[in-house]
Protein backbone atom coordinates (compact mmCIF):
# COMPACT_ATOMS: atom_id res chain seq x y z
CA UNK A 1 -0.03 -0.14 -0.10
CA UNK A 2 0.91 3.22 -1.14
CA UNK A 3 -0.27 7.53 -0.80
CA UNK A 4 1.29 9.40 -4.04
CA UNK A 5 0.85 12.86 -3.98
CA UNK A 6 1.99 15.79 -6.73
CA UNK A 7 2.42 18.65 -7.69
CA UNK A 8 2.59 19.91 -11.62
CA UNK A 9 3.91 23.29 -13.09
CA UNK A 10 5.98 24.07 -9.79
CA UNK A 11 7.54 27.31 -10.64
CA UNK A 12 10.87 25.95 -9.44
CA UNK A 13 13.94 24.35 -11.44
CA UNK A 14 14.16 20.50 -10.82
CA UNK A 15 17.59 21.10 -10.35
CA UNK A 16 16.78 23.50 -7.56
CA UNK A 17 14.12 20.53 -6.17
CA UNK A 18 16.34 17.34 -6.32
CA UNK A 19 18.99 18.96 -3.75
CA UNK A 20 16.59 18.80 -0.89
CA UNK A 21 14.47 15.74 -2.67
CA UNK A 22 17.91 14.18 -1.40
CA UNK A 23 17.84 15.04 1.62
CA UNK A 24 14.85 13.33 2.65
CA UNK A 25 14.64 10.22 0.03
CA UNK A 26 14.18 7.21 2.42
CA UNK A 27 13.82 9.08 5.70
CA UNK A 28 10.54 8.89 8.09
CA UNK A 29 7.92 10.88 7.34
CA UNK A 30 8.45 13.24 10.89
CA UNK A 31 11.90 13.34 10.38
CA UNK A 32 11.57 14.66 6.66
CA UNK A 33 9.28 17.08 7.93
CA UNK A 34 11.28 18.28 10.41
CA UNK A 35 14.25 18.57 7.90
CA UNK A 36 11.76 20.68 5.35
CA UNK A 37 11.25 22.97 7.94
CA UNK A 38 14.98 23.52 9.22
CA UNK A 39 16.18 23.72 5.74
CA UNK A 40 16.90 26.81 3.75
CA UNK A 41 16.33 26.40 0.97
CA UNK A 42 13.40 27.30 -1.44
CA UNK A 43 12.12 24.32 -3.08
CA UNK A 44 11.19 23.22 0.96
CA UNK A 45 8.59 25.28 0.76
CA UNK A 46 6.80 23.07 -2.07
CA UNK A 47 8.15 19.71 -0.61
CA UNK A 48 6.70 20.75 2.63
CA UNK A 49 2.84 21.11 1.08
CA UNK A 50 3.34 17.87 -0.83
CA UNK A 51 4.57 16.19 1.94
CA UNK A 52 1.73 17.67 4.28
CA UNK A 53 -1.02 16.59 1.38
CA UNK A 54 0.84 12.84 0.63
CA UNK A 55 0.56 12.18 5.01
CA UNK A 56 -2.83 13.21 4.75
CA UNK A 57 -3.79 10.55 1.60
CA UNK A 58 -2.50 7.97 3.80
CA UNK A 59 -4.11 8.70 6.58
CA UNK A 60 -7.89 9.60 4.75
CA UNK A 61 -7.54 7.36 1.78
CA UNK A 62 -5.75 4.22 3.07
CA UNK A 63 -5.67 4.29 6.29
CA UNK A 64 -2.66 3.86 7.32
CA UNK A 65 -0.58 5.00 10.09
CA UNK A 66 1.02 8.13 10.08
CA UNK A 67 3.95 7.39 12.38
CA UNK A 68 5.19 4.07 10.47
CA UNK A 69 5.28 6.10 6.91
CA UNK A 70 8.73 6.88 5.12
CA UNK A 71 9.40 8.37 1.74
CA UNK A 72 9.66 5.61 -0.45
CA UNK A 73 10.26 7.40 -3.79
CA UNK A 74 10.82 10.78 -4.54
CA UNK A 75 11.31 12.33 -7.73
CA UNK A 76 11.22 15.63 -9.99
CA UNK A 77 10.36 15.87 -13.43
CA UNK A 78 10.90 18.88 -15.89
CA UNK A 79 7.86 20.72 -16.20
CA UNK A 80 7.39 23.21 -19.56
CA UNK A 81 10.01 26.12 -19.85
CA UNK A 82 8.42 29.82 -19.89
CA UNK A 83 10.66 31.27 -22.58
CA UNK A 84 11.41 34.98 -22.38
CA UNK A 85 13.78 37.29 -23.97
CA UNK A 86 15.88 40.25 -22.35
CA UNK A 87 16.77 42.80 -24.59
CA UNK A 88 21.05 43.21 -24.88
CA UNK A 89 22.80 45.99 -26.55
CA UNK A 90 22.90 46.57 -30.50
CA UNK A 91 19.99 44.59 -31.44
CA UNK A 92 20.98 41.29 -29.99
CA UNK A 93 18.68 39.42 -27.44
CA UNK A 94 18.92 36.87 -24.51
CA UNK A 95 17.19 34.44 -23.73
CA UNK A 96 15.42 33.85 -20.27
CA UNK A 97 14.36 30.05 -19.56
CA UNK A 98 11.93 30.43 -16.47
CA UNK A 99 11.92 26.30 -15.88
CA UNK A 100 8.71 24.07 -13.85
CA UNK A 101 9.16 20.80 -12.61
CA UNK A 102 6.31 18.35 -11.73
CA UNK A 103 7.46 16.65 -8.06
CA UNK A 104 5.92 13.12 -6.91
CA UNK A 105 6.43 12.06 -3.23
CA UNK A 106 5.15 8.20 -2.55
CA UNK A 107 5.00 7.32 1.02
CA UNK A 108 5.01 3.55 2.51
CA UNK A 109 4.26 2.12 5.64
CA UNK A 110 7.02 0.74 7.66
CA UNK A 111 7.20 -3.09 8.66
CA UNK A 112 6.63 -3.92 11.95
CA UNK A 113 10.63 -4.63 13.05
CA UNK A 114 10.98 -0.91 11.85
CA UNK A 115 12.52 -1.74 8.55
CA UNK A 116 11.34 -0.16 4.74
CA UNK A 117 9.01 -2.70 3.14
């Protein structure tokens, strides 16, 4: 049994999200939430809400025990890129790419021995 939550079109680069996802992957959900609250990265804001949503999905939709949840998989993919142009000297133009992300978190329940299932 697994609980899943996704956020689409998050206005943050996937490269920035990956740094924070590596911190919480395979961690207990409570510890992962504490890590996100105390990490000074922009991606933590998106991931805190996403982890809270995944925990609520586990509790309400799948009747899972929230104290035994852990982050089984966490991955991020590139979303659509907003392309903008910045005018420069001598009639030139520089491209600005505003990247977006699709982030997915999957929570699972630990075994009785505290091992990850």
